[in-house]
């Protein structure tokens, strides 16, 4: 090979007697940036900002719980004899779709209870969420996980022997799907979502479903080359099927929201 991307020789940073896991650090940075972006896009009014901050904190906490439970439920074998590792999220193991679902439903519920505008909040978060994803995916790079099939492309990532799937034990370099997804998320925000927001008269909540559809398309493509799946149906992974459902559901949601907006404007 003429070139490749070496994997980091470490995934923790020692701080005195403690070890800071890079995976958790990057996810934390991503979540904070997403929350700041969402908050700034939603309102400038101080009292309202405080209320939204509380909602976002709860949504993030429930989102992490949902992401972990979704991962554990599909990787039970990994915890045989080590049940306590169910809480060891610093070692990796967060199901993005589970986290997004739990966090989104929590935010919508809390906004409705507050008699706020959940659609406005979702549209505000539509830009922040992919920013968090773009940053957080680099945690998989440090953990040497969630890579794709073997390849000899110049940007292939080198994976240590102990992290390689049994079917590809002799392969040294793989598709860096973490990099592909990070770049896709950046492309979703800049310029796609911001351009769509300026260019089209979307109904409330529409931007969130544009984000969901775009992410689903990219994730479906990545699922075709990822090697970490524990389940396949008709050759497609569980997350691949979920991606298709999200794309279709987002398209339907956009049509429903647009039709509802037309009805309301005609009254």
C-alpha atoms as a PDB file:
ATOM      1  CA  UNK A   1       0.000   0.000   0.000  1.00  0.00           C
ATOM      2  CA  UNK A   2       1.146   3.507  -0.811  1.00  0.00           C
ATOM      3  CA  UNK A   3      -0.669   5.085   2.114  1.00  0.00           C
ATOM      4  CA  UNK A   4      -3.107   4.432   4.939  1.00  0.00           C
ATOM      5  CA  UNK A   5      -4.411   6.033   8.119  1.00  0.00           C
ATOM      6  CA  UNK A   6      -2.788   4.595  11.267  1.00  0.00           C
ATOM      7  CA  UNK A   7      -5.049   3.999  14.245  1.00  0.00           C
ATOM      8  CA  UNK A   8      -4.165   5.930  17.410  1.00  0.00           C
ATOM      9  CA  UNK A   9      -1.904   3.990  19.815  1.00  0.00           C
ATOM     10  CA  UNK A  10      -4.087   5.112  22.742  1.00  0.00           C
ATOM     11  CA  UNK A  11      -7.754   5.680  23.564  1.00  0.00           C
ATOM     12  CA  UNK A  12      -7.365   7.154  27.050  1.00  0.00           C
ATOM     13  CA  UNK A  13      -5.660  10.232  28.488  1.00  0.00           C
ATOM     14  CA  UNK A  14      -4.212   9.830  31.998  1.00  0.00           C
ATOM     15  CA  UNK A  15      -5.054  12.654  34.399  1.00  0.00           C
ATOM     16  CA  UNK A  16      -3.371  11.882  37.700  1.00  0.00           C
ATOM     17  CA  UNK A  17      -4.886   8.652  39.044  1.00  0.00           C
ATOM     18  CA  UNK A  18      -7.758   8.857  36.538  1.00  0.00           C
ATOM     19  CA  UNK A  19      -8.028   7.925  32.886  1.00  0.00           C
ATOM     20  CA  UNK A  20     -10.102  10.059  30.530  1.00  0.00           C
ATOM     21  CA  UNK A  21     -11.511   8.017  27.646  1.00  0.00           C
ATOM     22  CA  UNK A  22     -11.230   9.850  24.329  1.00  0.00           C
ATOM     23  CA  UNK A  23     -14.492   8.248  23.173  1.00  0.00           C
ATOM     24  CA  UNK A  24     -16.425   9.839  26.029  1.00  0.00           C
ATOM     25  CA  UNK A  25     -14.577  13.152  25.695  1.00  0.00           C
ATOM     26  CA  UNK A  26     -15.451  13.529  22.011  1.00  0.00           C
ATOM     27  CA  UNK A  27     -19.072  12.568  22.550  1.00  0.00           C
ATOM     28  CA  UNK A  28     -19.277  15.062  25.407  1.00  0.00           C
ATOM     29  CA  UNK A  29     -17.824  17.849  23.260  1.00  0.00           C
ATOM     30  CA  UNK A  30     -20.232  17.010  20.464  1.00  0.00           C
ATOM     31  CA  UNK A  31     -23.266  17.004  22.759  1.00  0.00           C
ATOM     32  CA  UNK A  32     -22.302  20.352  24.308  1.00  0.00           C
ATOM     33  CA  UNK A  33     -21.851  21.967  20.894  1.00  0.00           C
ATOM     34  CA  UNK A  34     -25.159  20.538  19.692  1.00  0.00           C
ATOM     35  CA  UNK A  35     -26.945  21.889  22.761  1.00  0.00           C
ATOM     36  CA  UNK A  36     -25.389  25.349  22.319  1.00  0.00           C
ATOM     37  CA  UNK A  37     -26.322  25.461  18.621  1.00  0.00           C
ATOM     38  CA  UNK A  38     -29.870  24.291  19.363  1.00  0.00           C
ATOM     39  CA  UNK A  39     -30.324  26.811  22.153  1.00  0.00           C
ATOM     40  CA  UNK A  40     -28.958  29.732  20.131  1.00  0.00           C
ATOM     41  CA  UNK A  41     -31.151  28.863  17.160  1.00  0.00           C
ATOM     42  CA  UNK A  42     -34.261  28.518  19.325  1.00  0.00           C
ATOM     43  CA  UNK A  43     -34.293  31.741  21.341  1.00  0.00           C
ATOM     44  CA  UNK A  44     -32.371  34.764  22.652  1.00  0.00           C
ATOM     45  CA  UNK A  45     -34.782  35.417  25.533  1.00  0.00           C
ATOM     46  CA  UNK A  46     -33.000  34.659  28.859  1.00  0.00           C
ATOM     47  CA  UNK A  47     -35.934  33.140  30.759  1.00  0.00           C
ATOM     48  CA  UNK A  48     -36.937  30.934  27.843  1.00  0.00           C
ATOM     49  CA  UNK A  49     -33.334  29.845  27.359  1.00  0.00           C
ATOM     50  CA  UNK A  50     -33.230  28.550  30.928  1.00  0.00           C
ATOM     51  CA  UNK A  51     -36.365  26.475  30.349  1.00  0.00           C
ATOM     52  CA  UNK A  52     -34.986  25.028  27.086  1.00  0.00           C
ATOM     53  CA  UNK A  53     -31.665  24.272  28.771  1.00  0.00           C
ATOM     54  CA  UNK A  54     -33.460  22.114  31.337  1.00  0.00           C
ATOM     55  CA  UNK A  55     -35.344  20.306  28.607  1.00  0.00           C
ATOM     56  CA  UNK A  56     -32.172  19.674  26.615  1.00  0.00           C
ATOM     57  CA  UNK A  57     -30.340  18.298  29.652  1.00  0.00           C
ATOM     58  CA  UNK A  58     -33.132  15.811  30.321  1.00  0.00           C
ATOM     59  CA  UNK A  59     -33.371  14.869  26.648  1.00  0.00           C
ATOM     60  CA  UNK A  60     -29.614  14.233  26.483  1.00  0.00           C
ATOM     61  CA  UNK A  61     -29.636  12.062  29.624  1.00  0.00           C
ATOM     62  CA  UNK A  62     -32.599   9.982  28.404  1.00  0.00           C
ATOM     63  CA  UNK A  63     -30.990   9.859  24.977  1.00  0.00           C
ATOM     64  CA  UNK A  64     -27.825   8.311  26.386  1.00  0.00           C
ATOM     65  CA  UNK A  65     -29.883   5.766  28.313  1.00  0.00           C
ATOM     66  CA  UNK A  66     -31.825   4.895  25.175  1.00  0.00           C
ATOM     67  CA  UNK A  67     -28.642   4.611  23.116  1.00  0.00           C
ATOM     68  CA  UNK A  68     -27.049   2.272  25.634  1.00  0.00           C
ATOM     69  CA  UNK A  69     -30.140   0.100  26.111  1.00  0.00           C
ATOM     70  CA  UNK A  70     -30.567  -0.242  22.355  1.00  0.00           C
ATOM     71  CA  UNK A  71     -26.945  -1.333  21.981  1.00  0.00           C
ATOM     72  CA  UNK A  72     -27.017  -3.780  24.891  1.00  0.00           C
ATOM     73  CA  UNK A  73     -30.257  -5.368  23.680  1.00  0.00           C
ATOM     74  CA  UNK A  74     -28.604  -6.248  20.361  1.00  0.00           C
ATOM     75  CA  UNK A  75     -25.206  -7.305  21.793  1.00  0.00           C
ATOM     76  CA  UNK A  76     -26.178  -9.455  24.785  1.00  0.00           C
ATOM     77  CA  UNK A  77     -23.429 -11.993  24.073  1.00  0.00           C
ATOM     78  CA  UNK A  78     -20.803  -9.321  24.677  1.00  0.00           C
ATOM     79  CA  UNK A  79     -21.894  -9.074  28.324  1.00  0.00           C
ATOM     80  CA  UNK A  80     -21.985 -12.780  29.176  1.00  0.00           C
ATOM     81  CA  UNK A  81     -20.228 -13.154  32.535  1.00  0.00           C
ATOM     82  CA  UNK A  82     -19.530  -9.425  32.665  1.00  0.00           C
ATOM     83  CA  UNK A  83     -23.000  -7.965  33.266  1.00  0.00           C
ATOM     84  CA  UNK A  84     -21.530  -4.966  35.075  1.00  0.00           C
ATOM     85  CA  UNK A  85     -20.078  -3.730  31.766  1.00  0.00           C
ATOM     86  CA  UNK A  86     -23.591  -2.782  30.731  1.00  0.00           C
ATOM     87  CA  UNK A  87     -22.811   0.646  32.229  1.00  0.00           C
ATOM     88  CA  UNK A  88     -19.291   0.878  30.755  1.00  0.00           C
ATOM     89  CA  UNK A  89     -20.189   3.256  27.942  1.00  0.00           C
ATOM     90  CA  UNK A  90     -16.612   4.598  27.974  1.00  0.00           C
ATOM     91  CA  UNK A  91     -15.610   1.378  26.205  1.00  0.00           C
ATOM     92  CA  UNK A  92     -17.968   2.176  23.324  1.00  0.00           C
ATOM     93  CA  UNK A  93     -21.388   0.826  22.569  1.00  0.00           C
ATOM     94  CA  UNK A  94     -24.027   3.472  21.925  1.00  0.00           C
ATOM     95  CA  UNK A  95     -26.745   2.837  19.354  1.00  0.00           C
ATOM     96  CA  UNK A  96     -27.288   6.164  17.606  1.00  0.00           C
ATOM     97  CA  UNK A  97     -30.825   5.437  16.442  1.00  0.00           C
ATOM     98  CA  UNK A  98     -31.853   4.414  19.952  1.00  0.00           C
ATOM     99  CA  UNK A  99     -30.383   7.582  21.422  1.00  0.00           C
ATOM    100  CA  UNK A 100     -31.966   9.875  18.832  1.00  0.00           C
ATOM    101  CA  UNK A 101     -35.368   8.261  19.296  1.00  0.00           C
ATOM    102  CA  UNK A 102     -35.310   8.442  23.084  1.00  0.00           C
ATOM    103  CA  UNK A 103     -33.908  11.967  23.164  1.00  0.00           C
ATOM    104  CA  UNK A 104     -36.300  13.311  20.538  1.00  0.00           C
ATOM    105  CA  UNK A 105     -39.397  11.820  22.177  1.00  0.00           C
ATOM    106  CA  UNK A 106     -38.286  13.186  25.546  1.00  0.00           C
ATOM    107  CA  UNK A 107     -37.780  16.691  24.154  1.00  0.00           C
ATOM    108  CA  UNK A 108     -41.143  16.653  22.366  1.00  0.00           C
ATOM    109  CA  UNK A 109     -42.950  15.415  25.475  1.00  0.00           C
ATOM    110  CA  UNK A 110     -41.359  18.037  27.735  1.00  0.00           C
ATOM    111  CA  UNK A 111     -42.048  20.837  25.265  1.00  0.00           C
ATOM    112  CA  UNK A 112     -45.699  19.838  24.970  1.00  0.00           C
ATOM    113  CA  UNK A 113     -46.029  19.668  28.750  1.00  0.00           C
ATOM    114  CA  UNK A 114     -44.567  23.167  28.923  1.00  0.00           C
ATOM    115  CA  UNK A 115     -46.978  24.233  26.162  1.00  0.00           C
ATOM    116  CA  UNK A 116     -44.011  25.204  24.014  1.00  0.00           C
ATOM    117  CA  UNK A 117     -43.350  24.632  20.329  1.00  0.00           C
ATOM    118  CA  UNK A 118     -41.760  21.173  19.877  1.00  0.00           C
ATOM    119  CA  UNK A 119     -41.505  21.620  16.098  1.00  0.00           C
ATOM    120  CA  UNK A 120     -39.431  24.761  16.509  1.00  0.00           C
ATOM    121  CA  UNK A 121     -37.152  22.921  18.939  1.00  0.00           C
ATOM    122  CA  UNK A 122     -36.696  20.011  16.530  1.00  0.00           C
ATOM    123  CA  UNK A 123     -35.853  22.391  13.691  1.00  0.00           C
ATOM    124  CA  UNK A 124     -33.333  24.124  15.949  1.00  0.00           C
ATOM    125  CA  UNK A 125     -31.754  20.781  16.843  1.00  0.00           C
ATOM    126  CA  UNK A 126     -31.629  19.652  13.212  1.00  0.00           C
ATOM    127  CA  UNK A 127     -28.396  21.598  12.736  1.00  0.00           C
ATOM    128  CA  UNK A 128     -26.862  20.782  16.116  1.00  0.00           C
ATOM    129  CA  UNK A 129     -27.368  16.997  16.036  1.00  0.00           C
ATOM    130  CA  UNK A 130     -25.224  16.252  12.953  1.00  0.00           C
ATOM    131  CA  UNK A 131     -22.475  18.458  14.386  1.00  0.00           C
ATOM    132  CA  UNK A 132     -22.443  16.231  17.476  1.00  0.00           C
ATOM    133  CA  UNK A 133     -22.415  13.129  15.275  1.00  0.00           C
ATOM    134  CA  UNK A 134     -19.530  14.424  13.174  1.00  0.00           C
ATOM    135  CA  UNK A 135     -17.401  14.929  16.293  1.00  0.00           C
ATOM    136  CA  UNK A 136     -18.527  11.859  18.207  1.00  0.00           C
ATOM    137  CA  UNK A 137     -17.742   9.432  15.370  1.00  0.00           C
ATOM    138  CA  UNK A 138     -14.043  10.107  15.890  1.00  0.00           C
ATOM    139  CA  UNK A 139     -14.376   8.309  19.205  1.00  0.00           C
ATOM    140  CA  UNK A 140     -14.879   5.114  17.187  1.00  0.00           C
ATOM    141  CA  UNK A 141     -11.547   5.830  15.496  1.00  0.00           C
ATOM    142  CA  UNK A 142      -9.749   5.874  18.848  1.00  0.00           C
ATOM    143  CA  UNK A 143     -11.540   2.684  19.931  1.00  0.00           C
ATOM    144  CA  UNK A 144     -10.785   0.989  16.588  1.00  0.00           C
ATOM    145  CA  UNK A 145     -14.412   0.005  16.060  1.00  0.00           C
ATOM    146  CA  UNK A 146     -17.247   0.352  13.562  1.00  0.00           C
ATOM    147  CA  UNK A 147     -14.949   0.211  10.544  1.00  0.00           C
ATOM    148  CA  UNK A 148     -15.918  -1.202   7.176  1.00  0.00           C
ATOM    149  CA  UNK A 149     -14.767  -4.007   4.923  1.00  0.00           C
ATOM    150  CA  UNK A 150     -11.094  -4.459   3.932  1.00  0.00           C
ATOM    151  CA  UNK A 151      -9.723  -2.048   1.352  1.00  0.00           C
ATOM    152  CA  UNK A 152      -6.362  -0.874   0.020  1.00  0.00           C
ATOM    153  CA  UNK A 153      -7.494   2.661  -0.759  1.00  0.00           C
ATOM    154  CA  UNK A 154      -4.999   5.394   0.266  1.00  0.00           C
ATOM    155  CA  UNK A 155      -7.314   6.534   3.073  1.00  0.00           C
ATOM    156  CA  UNK A 156      -7.862   3.044   4.506  1.00  0.00           C
ATOM    157  CA  UNK A 157      -7.568   2.835   8.291  1.00  0.00           C
ATOM    158  CA  UNK A 158      -5.125   0.419   9.914  1.00  0.00           C
ATOM    159  CA  UNK A 159      -6.754  -1.858  12.507  1.00  0.00           C
ATOM    160  CA  UNK A 160      -4.794  -3.841  15.107  1.00  0.00           C
ATOM    161  CA  UNK A 161      -5.105  -7.615  14.936  1.00  0.00           C
ATOM    162  CA  UNK A 162      -7.114  -7.918  18.145  1.00  0.00           C
ATOM    163  CA  UNK A 163      -9.866  -5.634  16.826  1.00  0.00           C
ATOM    164  CA  UNK A 164     -10.348  -7.294  13.438  1.00  0.00           C
ATOM    165  CA  UNK A 165     -13.432  -9.446  12.743  1.00  0.00           C
ATOM    166  CA  UNK A 166     -12.709 -13.171  12.529  1.00  0.00           C
ATOM    167  CA  UNK A 167     -13.706 -13.194   8.856  1.00  0.00           C
ATOM    168  CA  UNK A 168     -11.062 -10.571   8.075  1.00  0.00           C
ATOM    169  CA  UNK A 169      -8.293 -11.532  10.479  1.00  0.00           C
ATOM    170  CA  UNK A 170      -5.668 -11.415   7.721  1.00  0.00           C
ATOM    171  CA  UNK A 171      -6.656  -7.960   6.493  1.00  0.00           C
ATOM    172  CA  UNK A 172      -4.745  -4.999   7.882  1.00  0.00           C
ATOM    173  CA  UNK A 173      -6.630  -2.005   6.483  1.00  0.00           C
ATOM    174  CA  UNK A 174     -10.344  -1.249   6.267  1.00  0.00           C
ATOM    175  CA  UNK A 175     -12.795   1.393   5.103  1.00  0.00           C
ATOM    176  CA  UNK A 176     -12.804   4.214   7.711  1.00  0.00           C
ATOM    177  CA  UNK A 177     -16.579   4.398   8.043  1.00  0.00           C
ATOM    178  CA  UNK A 178     -16.184   6.731  11.024  1.00  0.00           C
ATOM    179  CA  UNK A 179     -14.556   9.229   8.641  1.00  0.00           C
ATOM    180  CA  UNK A 180     -17.189   8.736   5.954  1.00  0.00           C
ATOM    181  CA  UNK A 181     -20.012   9.350   8.429  1.00  0.00           C
ATOM    182  CA  UNK A 182     -18.281  12.349   9.979  1.00  0.00           C
ATOM    183  CA  UNK A 183     -17.841  13.967   6.555  1.00  0.00           C
ATOM    184  CA  UNK A 184     -21.425  13.121   5.594  1.00  0.00           C
ATOM    185  CA  UNK A 185     -22.727  14.815   8.740  1.00  0.00           C
ATOM    186  CA  UNK A 186     -20.648  17.907   8.016  1.00  0.00           C
ATOM    187  CA  UNK A 187     -22.047  17.953   4.476  1.00  0.00           C
ATOM    188  CA  UNK A 188     -25.591  17.713   5.892  1.00  0.00           C
ATOM    189  CA  UNK A 189     -25.082  20.906   7.902  1.00  0.00           C
ATOM    190  CA  UNK A 190     -22.825  22.937   5.635  1.00  0.00           C
ATOM    191  CA  UNK A 191     -24.207  23.778   3.234  1.00  0.00           C
ATOM    192  CA  UNK A 192     -27.199  21.465   2.754  1.00  0.00           C
ATOM    193  CA  UNK A 193     -29.480  22.063   5.755  1.00  0.00           C
ATOM    194  CA  UNK A 194     -28.626  25.748   6.068  1.00  0.00           C
ATOM    195  CA  UNK A 195     -29.222  26.194   2.325  1.00  0.00           C
ATOM    196  CA  UNK A 196     -32.523  24.302   2.451  1.00  0.00           C
ATOM    197  CA  UNK A 197     -33.638  26.411   5.415  1.00  0.00           C
ATOM    198  CA  UNK A 198     -32.983  29.635   3.484  1.00  0.00           C
ATOM    199  CA  UNK A 199     -34.156  28.456   0.074  1.00  0.00           C
ATOM    200  CA  UNK A 200     -37.411  26.640   0.831  1.00  0.00           C
ATOM    201  CA  UNK A 201     -40.502  27.562   2.787  1.00  0.00           C
ATOM    202  CA  UNK A 202     -40.556  24.480   4.996  1.00  0.00           C
ATOM    203  CA  UNK A 203     -43.372  23.821   7.473  1.00  0.00           C
ATOM    204  CA  UNK A 204     -42.501  23.793  11.174  1.00  0.00           C
ATOM    205  CA  UNK A 205     -40.648  20.576  11.907  1.00  0.00           C
ATOM    206  CA  UNK A 206     -39.744  20.151   8.252  1.00  0.00           C
ATOM    207  CA  UNK A 207     -36.042  20.856   8.646  1.00  0.00           C
ATOM    208  CA  UNK A 208     -35.711  18.096  11.246  1.00  0.00           C
ATOM    209  CA  UNK A 209     -37.174  15.538   8.875  1.00  0.00           C
ATOM    210  CA  UNK A 210     -34.929  16.767   6.048  1.00  0.00           C
ATOM    211  CA  UNK A 211     -31.996  16.090   8.362  1.00  0.00           C
ATOM    212  CA  UNK A 212     -33.386  12.659   9.293  1.00  0.00           C
ATOM    213  CA  UNK A 213     -33.876  11.709   5.639  1.00  0.00           C
ATOM    214  CA  UNK A 214     -30.394  12.854   4.626  1.00  0.00           C
ATOM    215  CA  UNK A 215     -28.756  11.055   7.518  1.00  0.00           C
ATOM    216  CA  UNK A 216     -30.764   7.921   6.789  1.00  0.00           C
ATOM    217  CA  UNK A 217     -29.568   7.917   3.177  1.00  0.00           C
ATOM    218  CA  UNK A 218     -25.926   8.226   4.211  1.00  0.00           C
ATOM    219  CA  UNK A 219     -26.241   5.663   6.978  1.00  0.00           C
ATOM    220  CA  UNK A 220     -27.867   3.151   4.628  1.00  0.00           C
ATOM    221  CA  UNK A 221     -24.875   3.394   2.305  1.00  0.00           C
ATOM    222  CA  UNK A 222     -22.437   2.910   5.179  1.00  0.00           C
ATOM    223  CA  UNK A 223     -24.321  -0.136   6.449  1.00  0.00           C
ATOM    224  CA  UNK A 224     -23.512  -1.869   3.171  1.00  0.00           C
ATOM    225  CA  UNK A 225     -19.806  -1.926   4.059  1.00  0.00           C
ATOM    226  CA  UNK A 226     -19.793  -2.063   7.877  1.00  0.00           C
ATOM    227  CA  UNK A 227     -18.629  -5.324   9.462  1.00  0.00           C
ATOM    228  CA  UNK A 228     -19.920  -4.988  13.038  1.00  0.00           C
ATOM    229  CA  UNK A 229     -23.522  -6.072  12.464  1.00  0.00           C
ATOM    230  CA  UNK A 230     -24.932  -8.893  14.599  1.00  0.00           C
ATOM    231  CA  UNK A 231     -28.036  -9.424  12.455  1.00  0.00           C
ATOM    232  CA  UNK A 232     -28.871  -9.449   8.759  1.00  0.00           C
ATOM    233  CA  UNK A 233     -32.135  -9.863   6.905  1.00  0.00           C
ATOM    234  CA  UNK A 234     -32.010 -10.329   3.137  1.00  0.00           C
ATOM    235  CA  UNK A 235     -28.362  -9.290   3.299  1.00  0.00           C
ATOM    236  CA  UNK A 236     -29.073  -5.979   5.018  1.00  0.00           C
ATOM    237  CA  UNK A 237     -28.164  -5.140   8.606  1.00  0.00           C
ATOM    238  CA  UNK A 238     -30.641  -4.093  11.275  1.00  0.00           C
ATOM    239  CA  UNK A 239     -29.493  -0.469  11.060  1.00  0.00           C
ATOM    240  CA  UNK A 240     -29.760  -0.638   7.287  1.00  0.00           C
ATOM    241  CA  UNK A 241     -33.452  -1.493   7.563  1.00  0.00           C
ATOM    242  CA  UNK A 242     -33.923   1.195  10.204  1.00  0.00           C
ATOM    243  CA  UNK A 243     -32.285   3.711   7.848  1.00  0.00           C
ATOM    244  CA  UNK A 244     -34.756   2.842   5.095  1.00  0.00           C
ATOM    245  CA  UNK A 245     -37.663   3.221   7.515  1.00  0.00           C
ATOM    246  CA  UNK A 246     -36.353   6.606   8.647  1.00  0.00           C
ATOM    247  CA  UNK A 247     -35.965   7.860   5.071  1.00  0.00           C
ATOM    248  CA  UNK A 248     -39.476   6.717   4.139  1.00  0.00           C
ATOM    249  CA  UNK A 249     -40.981   7.976   7.405  1.00  0.00           C
ATOM    250  CA  UNK A 250     -39.303  11.363   7.037  1.00  0.00           C
ATOM    251  CA  UNK A 251     -40.660  11.735   3.521  1.00  0.00           C
ATOM    252  CA  UNK A 252     -44.179  10.945   4.722  1.00  0.00           C
ATOM    253  CA  UNK A 253     -43.801  13.310   7.696  1.00  0.00           C
ATOM    254  CA  UNK A 254     -42.730  16.138   5.382  1.00  0.00           C
ATOM    255  CA  UNK A 255     -45.802  15.624   3.191  1.00  0.00           C
ATOM    256  CA  UNK A 256     -48.107  15.548   6.229  1.00  0.00           C
ATOM    257  CA  UNK A 257     -46.562  18.680   7.737  1.00  0.00           C
ATOM    258  CA  UNK A 258     -46.750  20.557   4.456  1.00  0.00           C
ATOM    259  CA  UNK A 259     -50.393  19.579   3.941  1.00  0.00           C
ATOM    260  CA  UNK A 260     -51.242  20.614   7.497  1.00  0.00           C
ATOM    261  CA  UNK A 261     -49.500  23.965   7.016  1.00  0.00           C
ATOM    262  CA  UNK A 262     -51.538  24.623   3.857  1.00  0.00           C
ATOM    263  CA  UNK A 263     -54.779  23.804   5.638  1.00  0.00           C
ATOM    264  CA  UNK A 264     -53.935  26.129   8.536  1.00  0.00           C
ATOM    265  CA  UNK A 265     -52.940  28.971   6.202  1.00  0.00           C
ATOM    266  CA  UNK A 266     -56.206  28.686   4.272  1.00  0.00           C
ATOM    267  CA  UNK A 267     -58.386  29.092   7.371  1.00  0.00           C
END
